Amino acid sequence: MFKNKALSGKNNISGKNIAKCRKAISPRLSQRGLADKMQLEGIELDKNAIQRIESGQRFVTDIEIRGFSKVLMVSYEQLLDQE
């Protein structure tokens, strides 16, 4: 049994919110585009890592949450909301 899984069985609770915020940006930001912006913030992620985060397959660090918040121009709370 995994101790660190969310109630949904996923490895993070922010992935679906990251995807929603990414898709809400106009013009629409691709997973590759998001990875590129994260790299400009000093956070080394590629498109595949973004895909795994958004699908809940990969854990997300606090440093990455901070980067996503800055790049997507949303609050930490918005990314961590479980609604």
PDB file of N, CA and C in Angstrom:
ATOM      1  N   MET A   1       0.839  -1.185   0.000  1.00  0.00           N
ATOM      2  CA  MET A   1       0.000   0.000   0.000  1.00  0.00           C
ATOM      3  C   MET A   1       0.881   1.245   0.000  1.00  0.00           C
ATOM      4  N   PHE A   2       0.488   2.241  -0.797  1.00  0.00           N
ATOM      5  CA  PHE A   2       1.234   3.484  -0.883  1.00  0.00           C
ATOM      6  C   PHE A   2       0.684   4.469   0.133  1.00  0.00           C
ATOM      7  N   LYS A   3       1.564   5.024   0.958  1.00  0.00           N
ATOM      8  CA  LYS A   3       1.142   5.961   1.992  1.00  0.00           C
ATOM      9  C   LYS A   3       0.895   7.361   1.449  1.00  0.00           C
ATOM     10  N   ASN A   4       1.536   7.713   0.350  1.00  0.00           N
ATOM     11  CA  ASN A   4       1.503   9.091  -0.117  1.00  0.00           C
ATOM     12  C   ASN A   4       0.549   9.337  -1.277  1.00  0.00           C
ATOM     13  N   LYS A   5      -0.369   8.459  -1.517  1.00  0.00           N
ATOM     14  CA  LYS A   5      -1.322   8.661  -2.606  1.00  0.00           C
ATOM     15  C   LYS A   5      -2.494   9.511  -2.112  1.00  0.00           C
ATOM     16  N   ALA A   6      -3.038  10.319  -2.999  1.00  0.00           N
ATOM     17  CA  ALA A   6      -4.237  11.089  -2.680  1.00  0.00           C
ATOM     18  C   ALA A   6      -5.418  10.127  -2.611  1.00  0.00           C
ATOM     19  N   LEU A   7      -6.524  10.593  -2.091  1.00  0.00           N
ATOM     20  CA  LEU A   7      -7.719   9.748  -1.997  1.00  0.00           C
ATOM     21  C   LEU A   7      -8.132   9.198  -3.355  1.00  0.00           C
ATOM     22  N   SER A   8      -7.826   9.915  -4.411  1.00  0.00           N
ATOM     23  CA  SER A   8      -8.164   9.476  -5.765  1.00  0.00           C
ATOM     24  C   SER A   8      -7.247   8.369  -6.259  1.00  0.00           C
ATOM     25  N   GLY A   9      -6.186   8.049  -5.491  1.00  0.00           N
ATOM     26  CA  GLY A   9      -5.221   7.042  -5.916  1.00  0.00           C
ATOM     27  C   GLY A   9      -4.105   7.609  -6.772  1.00  0.00           C
ATOM     28  N   LYS A  10      -4.093   8.915  -6.950  1.00  0.00           N
ATOM     29  CA  LYS A  10      -3.060   9.557  -7.762  1.00  0.00           C
ATOM     30  C   LYS A  10      -1.909  10.015  -6.884  1.00  0.00           C
ATOM     31  N   ASN A  11      -0.778  10.309  -7.518  1.00  0.00           N
ATOM     32  CA  ASN A  11       0.422  10.726  -6.797  1.00  0.00           C
ATOM     33  C   ASN A  11       0.466  12.216  -6.494  1.00  0.00           C
ATOM     34  N   ASN A  12      -0.510  12.975  -6.964  1.00  0.00           N
ATOM     35  CA  ASN A  12      -0.571  14.399  -6.640  1.00  0.00           C
ATOM     36  C   ASN A  12      -2.012  14.868  -6.725  1.00  0.00           C
ATOM     37  N   ILE A  13      -2.281  16.001  -6.110  1.00  0.00           N
ATOM     38  CA  ILE A  13      -3.614  16.602  -6.199  1.00  0.00           C
ATOM     39  C   ILE A  13      -3.602  17.846  -7.077  1.00  0.00           C
ATOM     40  N   SER A  14      -2.431  18.248  -7.538  1.00  0.00           N
ATOM     41  CA  SER A  14      -2.322  19.483  -8.310  1.00  0.00           C
ATOM     42  C   SER A  14      -2.352  19.262  -9.815  1.00  0.00           C
ATOM     43  N   GLY A  15      -2.145  18.059 -10.282  1.00  0.00           N
ATOM     44  CA  GLY A  15      -2.023  17.802 -11.717  1.00  0.00           C
ATOM     45  C   GLY A  15      -3.213  18.248 -12.529  1.00  0.00           C
ATOM     46  N   LYS A  16      -4.415  17.902 -12.067  1.00  0.00           N
ATOM     47  CA  LYS A  16      -5.607  18.288 -12.833  1.00  0.00           C
ATOM     48  C   LYS A  16      -5.778  19.803 -12.842  1.00  0.00           C
ATOM     49  N   ASN A  17      -5.384  20.467 -11.754  1.00  0.00           N
ATOM     50  CA  ASN A  17      -5.472  21.929 -11.695  1.00  0.00           C
ATOM     51  C   ASN A  17      -4.425  22.581 -12.591  1.00  0.00           C
ATOM     52  N   ILE A  18      -3.240  21.988 -12.642  1.00  0.00           N
ATOM     53  CA  ILE A  18      -2.193  22.498 -13.539  1.00  0.00           C
ATOM     54  C   ILE A  18      -2.677  22.403 -14.979  1.00  0.00           C
ATOM     55  N   ALA A  19      -3.257  21.258 -15.349  1.00  0.00           N
ATOM     56  CA  ALA A  19      -3.774  21.081 -16.711  1.00  0.00           C
ATOM     57  C   ALA A  19      -4.868  22.103 -17.015  1.00  0.00           C
ATOM     58  N   LYS A  20      -5.791  22.295 -16.069  1.00  0.00           N
ATOM     59  CA  LYS A  20      -6.897  23.238 -16.266  1.00  0.00           C
ATOM     60  C   LYS A  20      -6.362  24.660 -16.449  1.00  0.00           C
ATOM     61  N   CYS A  21      -5.416  25.064 -15.621  1.00  0.00           N
ATOM     62  CA  CYS A  21      -4.845  26.417 -15.727  1.00  0.00           C
ATOM     63  C   CYS A  21      -4.047  26.577 -17.018  1.00  0.00           C
ATOM     64  N   ARG A  22      -3.310  25.536 -17.393  1.00  0.00           N
ATOM     65  CA  ARG A  22      -2.519  25.593 -18.632  1.00  0.00           C
ATOM     66  C   ARG A  22      -3.434  25.782 -19.838  1.00  0.00           C
ATOM     67  N   LYS A  23      -4.537  25.049 -19.865  1.00  0.00           N
ATOM     68  CA  LYS A  23      -5.460  25.108 -21.000  1.00  0.00           C
ATOM     69  C   LYS A  23      -6.247  26.417 -21.026  1.00  0.00           C
ATOM     70  N   ALA A  24      -6.352  27.092 -19.885  1.00  0.00           N
ATOM     71  CA  ALA A  24      -7.106  28.347 -19.806  1.00  0.00           C
ATOM     72  C   ALA A  24      -6.316  29.549 -20.323  1.00  0.00           C
ATOM     73  N   ILE A  25      -5.005  29.391 -20.450  1.00  0.00           N
ATOM     74  CA  ILE A  25      -4.172  30.491 -20.940  1.00  0.00           C
ATOM     75  C   ILE A  25      -4.454  30.718 -22.418  1.00  0.00           C
ATOM     76  N   SER A  26      -4.535  31.981 -22.799  1.00  0.00           N
ATOM     77  CA  SER A  26      -4.780  32.310 -24.199  1.00  0.00           C
ATOM     78  C   SER A  26      -3.592  33.092 -24.747  1.00  0.00           C
ATOM     79  N   PRO A  27      -2.992  32.670 -25.852  1.00  0.00           N
ATOM     80  CA  PRO A  27      -3.294  31.446 -26.587  1.00  0.00           C
ATOM     81  C   PRO A  27      -2.935  30.213 -25.762  1.00  0.00           C
ATOM     82  N   ARG A  28      -3.617  29.117 -26.055  1.00  0.00           N
ATOM     83  CA  ARG A  28      -3.468  27.885 -25.288  1.00  0.00           C
ATOM     84  C   ARG A  28      -2.011  27.451 -25.226  1.00  0.00           C
ATOM     85  N   LEU A  29      -1.586  27.074 -24.031  1.00  0.00           N
ATOM     86  CA  LEU A  29      -0.206  26.676 -23.783  1.00  0.00           C
ATOM     87  C   LEU A  29      -0.108  25.151 -23.844  1.00  0.00           C
ATOM     88  N   SER A  30       0.790  24.640 -24.655  1.00  0.00           N
ATOM     89  CA  SER A  30       0.972  23.194 -24.764  1.00  0.00           C
ATOM     90  C   SER A  30       1.792  22.676 -23.585  1.00  0.00           C
ATOM     91  N   GLN A  31       1.811  21.370 -23.411  1.00  0.00           N
ATOM     92  CA  GLN A  31       2.643  20.778 -22.367  1.00  0.00           C
ATOM     93  C   GLN A  31       4.113  21.094 -22.632  1.00  0.00           C
ATOM     94  N   ARG A  32       4.527  21.050 -23.874  1.00  0.00           N
ATOM     95  CA  ARG A  32       5.907  21.394 -24.220  1.00  0.00           C
ATOM     96  C   ARG A  32       6.181  22.865 -23.905  1.00  0.00           C
ATOM     97  N   GLY A  33       5.241  23.731 -24.220  1.00  0.00           N
ATOM     98  CA  GLY A  33       5.395  25.152 -23.920  1.00  0.00           C
ATOM     99  C   GLY A  33       5.510  25.402 -22.423  1.00  0.00           C
ATOM    100  N   LEU A  34       4.704  24.684 -21.637  1.00  0.00           N
ATOM    101  CA  LEU A  34       4.783  24.815 -20.185  1.00  0.00           C
ATOM    102  C   LEU A  34       6.138  24.332 -19.682  1.00  0.00           C
ATOM    103  N   ALA A  35       6.616  23.219 -20.218  1.00  0.00           N
ATOM    104  CA  ALA A  35       7.938  22.706 -19.829  1.00  0.00           C
ATOM    105  C   ALA A  35       9.024  23.730 -20.148  1.00  0.00           C
ATOM    106  N   ASP A  36       8.918  24.357 -21.317  1.00  0.00           N
ATOM    107  CA  ASP A  36       9.899  25.384 -21.707  1.00  0.00           C
ATOM    108  C   ASP A  36       9.878  26.562 -20.732  1.00  0.00           C
ATOM    109  N   LYS A  37       8.689  27.010 -20.351  1.00  0.00           N
ATOM    110  CA  LYS A  37       8.576  28.132 -19.404  1.00  0.00           C
ATOM    111  C   LYS A  37       9.112  27.746 -18.025  1.00  0.00           C
ATOM    112  N   MET A  38       8.869  26.506 -17.620  1.00  0.00           N
ATOM    113  CA  MET A  38       9.389  26.046 -16.334  1.00  0.00           C
ATOM    114  C   MET A  38      10.918  26.019 -16.369  1.00  0.00           C
ATOM    115  N   GLN A  39      11.492  25.620 -17.490  1.00  0.00           N
ATOM    116  CA  GLN A  39      12.949  25.604 -17.607  1.00  0.00           C
ATOM    117  C   GLN A  39      13.517  27.001 -17.514  1.00  0.00           C
ATOM    118  N   LEU A  40      12.806  28.001 -18.021  1.00  0.00           N
ATOM    119  CA  LEU A  40      13.258  29.383 -17.888  1.00  0.00           C
ATOM    120  C   LEU A  40      13.261  29.832 -16.431  1.00  0.00           C
ATOM    121  N   GLU A  41      12.449  29.172 -15.604  1.00  0.00           N
ATOM    122  CA  GLU A  41      12.413  29.448 -14.160  1.00  0.00           C
ATOM    123  C   GLU A  41      13.451  28.613 -13.406  1.00  0.00           C
ATOM    124  N   GLY A  42      14.227  27.806 -14.134  1.00  0.00           N
ATOM    125  CA  GLY A  42      15.266  26.995 -13.507  1.00  0.00           C
ATOM    126  C   GLY A  42      14.784  25.634 -13.036  1.00  0.00           C
ATOM    127  N   ILE A  43      13.627  25.221 -13.496  1.00  0.00           N
ATOM    128  CA  ILE A  43      13.067  23.926 -13.101  1.00  0.00           C
ATOM    129  C   ILE A  43      13.082  23.014 -14.318  1.00  0.00           C
ATOM    130  N   GLU A  44      13.927  22.009 -14.280  1.00  0.00           N
ATOM    131  CA  GLU A  44      14.134  21.126 -15.420  1.00  0.00           C
ATOM    132  C   GLU A  44      13.030  20.080 -15.531  1.00  0.00           C
ATOM    133  N   LEU A  45      12.068  20.357 -16.378  1.00  0.00           N
ATOM    134  CA  LEU A  45      10.994  19.418 -16.690  1.00  0.00           C
ATOM    135  C   LEU A  45      10.881  19.328 -18.205  1.00  0.00           C
ATOM    136  N   ASP A  46      10.500  18.152 -18.699  1.00  0.00           N
ATOM    137  CA  ASP A  46      10.232  18.029 -20.124  1.00  0.00           C
ATOM    138  C   ASP A  46       8.744  17.766 -20.325  1.00  0.00           C
ATOM    139  N   LYS A  47       8.320  17.674 -21.580  1.00  0.00           N
ATOM    140  CA  LYS A  47       6.907  17.467 -21.902  1.00  0.00           C
ATOM    141  C   LYS A  47       6.364  16.211 -21.245  1.00  0.00           C
ATOM    142  N   ASN A  48       7.171  15.151 -21.217  1.00  0.00           N
ATOM    143  CA  ASN A  48       6.723  13.888 -20.625  1.00  0.00           C
ATOM    144  C   ASN A  48       6.496  14.028 -19.124  1.00  0.00           C
ATOM    145  N   ALA A  49       7.329  14.797 -18.453  1.00  0.00           N
ATOM    146  CA  ALA A  49       7.147  15.028 -17.015  1.00  0.00           C
ATOM    147  C   ALA A  49       5.857  15.806 -16.769  1.00  0.00           C
ATOM    148  N   ILE A  50       5.580  16.803 -17.615  1.00  0.00           N
ATOM    149  CA  ILE A  50       4.336  17.569 -17.492  1.00  0.00           C
ATOM    150  C   ILE A  50       3.142  16.634 -17.677  1.00  0.00           C
ATOM    151  N   GLN A  51       3.212  15.763 -18.665  1.00  0.00           N
ATOM    152  CA  GLN A  51       2.114  14.822 -18.921  1.00  0.00           C
ATOM    153  C   GLN A  51       1.891  13.914 -17.712  1.00  0.00           C
ATOM    154  N   ARG A  52       2.969  13.412 -17.113  1.00  0.00           N
ATOM    155  CA  ARG A  52       2.844  12.529 -15.950  1.00  0.00           C
ATOM    156  C   ARG A  52       2.300  13.287 -14.727  1.00  0.00           C
ATOM    157  N   ILE A  53       2.704  14.543 -14.574  1.00  0.00           N
ATOM    158  CA  ILE A  53       2.177  15.364 -13.473  1.00  0.00           C
ATOM    159  C   ILE A  53       0.679  15.582 -13.666  1.00  0.00           C
ATOM    160  N   GLU A  54       0.291  16.006 -14.867  1.00  0.00           N
ATOM    161  CA  GLU A  54      -1.118  16.300 -15.120  1.00  0.00           C
ATOM    162  C   GLU A  54      -2.011  15.069 -14.993  1.00  0.00           C
ATOM    163  N   SER A  55      -1.482  13.891 -15.286  1.00  0.00           N
ATOM    164  CA  SER A  55      -2.281  12.665 -15.185  1.00  0.00           C
ATOM    165  C   SER A  55      -2.226  12.052 -13.787  1.00  0.00           C
ATOM    166  N   GLY A  56      -1.424  12.655 -12.897  1.00  0.00           N
ATOM    167  CA  GLY A  56      -1.337  12.177 -11.521  1.00  0.00           C
ATOM    168  C   GLY A  56      -0.380  11.023 -11.313  1.00  0.00           C
ATOM    169  N   GLN A  57       0.437  10.716 -12.300  1.00  0.00           N
ATOM    170  CA  GLN A  57       1.374   9.601 -12.204  1.00  0.00           C
ATOM    171  C   GLN A  57       2.678   9.978 -11.515  1.00  0.00           C
ATOM    172  N   ARG A  58       2.971  11.277 -11.385  1.00  0.00           N
ATOM    173  CA  ARG A  58       4.245  11.741 -10.849  1.00  0.00           C
ATOM    174  C   ARG A  58       3.998  12.666  -9.665  1.00  0.00           C
ATOM    175  N   PHE A  59       4.835  12.534  -8.645  1.00  0.00           N
ATOM    176  CA  PHE A  59       4.794  13.455  -7.520  1.00  0.00           C
ATOM    177  C   PHE A  59       5.256  14.833  -7.976  1.00  0.00           C
ATOM    178  N   VAL A  60       4.808  15.874  -7.284  1.00  0.00           N
ATOM    179  CA  VAL A  60       5.198  17.251  -7.589  1.00  0.00           C
ATOM    180  C   VAL A  60       5.856  17.826  -6.344  1.00  0.00           C
ATOM    181  N   THR A  61       7.033  18.416  -6.508  1.00  0.00           N
ATOM    182  CA  THR A  61       7.741  18.997  -5.364  1.00  0.00           C
ATOM    183  C   THR A  61       7.215  20.398  -5.069  1.00  0.00           C
ATOM    184  N   ASP A  62       7.532  20.884  -3.889  1.00  0.00           N
ATOM    185  CA  ASP A  62       7.128  22.239  -3.521  1.00  0.00           C
ATOM    186  C   ASP A  62       7.781  23.274  -4.434  1.00  0.00           C
ATOM    187  N   ILE A  63       8.996  23.022  -4.848  1.00  0.00           N
ATOM    188  CA  ILE A  63       9.701  23.936  -5.760  1.00  0.00           C
ATOM    189  C   ILE A  63       8.977  23.980  -7.103  1.00  0.00           C
ATOM    190  N   GLU A  64       8.505  22.818  -7.575  1.00  0.00           N
ATOM    191  CA  GLU A  64       7.760  22.778  -8.832  1.00  0.00           C
ATOM    192  C   GLU A  64       6.418  23.485  -8.702  1.00  0.00           C
ATOM    193  N   ILE A  65       5.734  23.305  -7.570  1.00  0.00           N
ATOM    194  CA  ILE A  65       4.462  24.005  -7.342  1.00  0.00           C
ATOM    195  C   ILE A  65       4.687  25.512  -7.410  1.00  0.00           C
ATOM    196  N   ARG A  66       5.750  25.974  -6.777  1.00  0.00           N
ATOM    197  CA  ARG A  66       6.071  27.404  -6.820  1.00  0.00           C
ATOM    198  C   ARG A  66       6.295  27.863  -8.265  1.00  0.00           C
ATOM    199  N   GLY A  67       7.019  27.072  -9.045  1.00  0.00           N
ATOM    200  CA  GLY A  67       7.264  27.411 -10.451  1.00  0.00           C
ATOM    201  C   GLY A  67       5.989  27.412 -11.277  1.00  0.00           C
ATOM    202  N   PHE A  68       5.152  26.383 -11.098  1.00  0.00           N
ATOM    203  CA  PHE A  68       3.883  26.333 -11.822  1.00  0.00           C
ATOM    204  C   PHE A  68       3.022  27.548 -11.473  1.00  0.00           C
ATOM    205  N   SER A  69       2.995  27.905 -10.204  1.00  0.00           N
ATOM    206  CA  SER A  69       2.203  29.045  -9.758  1.00  0.00           C
ATOM    207  C   SER A  69       2.655  30.325 -10.470  1.00  0.00           C
ATOM    208  N   LYS A  70       3.955  30.513 -10.560  1.00  0.00           N
ATOM    209  CA  LYS A  70       4.499  31.720 -11.203  1.00  0.00           C
ATOM    210  C   LYS A  70       4.228  31.708 -12.707  1.00  0.00           C
ATOM    211  N   VAL A  71       4.522  30.592 -13.365  1.00  0.00           N
ATOM    212  CA  VAL A  71       4.369  30.497 -14.819  1.00  0.00           C
ATOM    213  C   VAL A  71       2.901  30.607 -15.231  1.00  0.00           C
ATOM    214  N   LEU A  72       2.023  29.956 -14.472  1.00  0.00           N
ATOM    215  CA  LEU A  72       0.601  29.942 -14.821  1.00  0.00           C
ATOM    216  C   LEU A  72      -0.152  31.140 -14.239  1.00  0.00           C
ATOM    217  N   MET A  73       0.537  31.951 -13.436  1.00  0.00           N
ATOM    218  CA  MET A  73      -0.014  33.167 -12.836  1.00  0.00           C
ATOM    219  C   MET A  73      -1.260  32.865 -12.001  1.00  0.00           C
ATOM    220  N   VAL A  74      -1.128  31.859 -11.138  1.00  0.00           N
ATOM    221  CA  VAL A  74      -2.201  31.486 -10.207  1.00  0.00           C
ATOM    222  C   VAL A  74      -1.579  31.298  -8.825  1.00  0.00           C
ATOM    223  N   SER A  75      -2.427  31.230  -7.816  1.00  0.00           N
ATOM    224  CA  SER A  75      -1.930  31.044  -6.454  1.00  0.00           C
ATOM    225  C   SER A  75      -1.610  29.569  -6.191  1.00  0.00           C
ATOM    226  N   TYR A  76      -0.795  29.343  -5.162  1.00  0.00           N
ATOM    227  CA  TYR A  76      -0.509  27.971  -4.735  1.00  0.00           C
ATOM    228  C   TYR A  76      -1.815  27.263  -4.382  1.00  0.00           C
ATOM    229  N   GLU A  77      -2.692  27.991  -3.710  1.00  0.00           N
ATOM    230  CA  GLU A  77      -3.956  27.415  -3.259  1.00  0.00           C
ATOM    231  C   GLU A  77      -4.786  26.915  -4.432  1.00  0.00           C
ATOM    232  N   GLN A  78      -4.785  27.666  -5.532  1.00  0.00           N
ATOM    233  CA  GLN A  78      -5.527  27.249  -6.717  1.00  0.00           C
ATOM    234  C   GLN A  78      -5.002  25.922  -7.252  1.00  0.00           C
ATOM    235  N   LEU A  79      -3.690  25.739  -7.200  1.00  0.00           N
ATOM    236  CA  LEU A  79      -3.096  24.503  -7.703  1.00  0.00           C
ATOM    237  C   LEU A  79      -3.357  23.322  -6.768  1.00  0.00           C
ATOM    238  N   LEU A  80      -3.548  23.615  -5.500  1.00  0.00           N
ATOM    239  CA  LEU A  80      -3.718  22.549  -4.514  1.00  0.00           C
ATOM    240  C   LEU A  80      -5.174  22.312  -4.130  1.00  0.00           C
ATOM    241  N   ASP A  81      -6.092  23.039  -4.744  1.00  0.00           N
ATOM    242  CA  ASP A  81      -7.513  22.891  -4.426  1.00  0.00           C
ATOM    243  C   ASP A  81      -8.008  21.515  -4.852  1.00  0.00           C
ATOM    244  N   GLN A  82      -8.754  20.859  -3.976  1.00  0.00           N
ATOM    245  CA  GLN A  82      -9.224  19.494  -4.251  1.00  0.00           C
ATOM    246  C   GLN A  82     -10.685  19.416  -4.680  1.00  0.00           C
ATOM    247  N   GLU A  83     -11.312  20.493  -5.027  1.00  0.00           N
ATOM    248  CA  GLU A  83     -12.733  20.454  -5.397  1.00  0.00           C
ATOM    249  C   GLU A  83     -12.998  19.572  -6.565  1.00  0.00           C
TER     250      GLU A  83
END
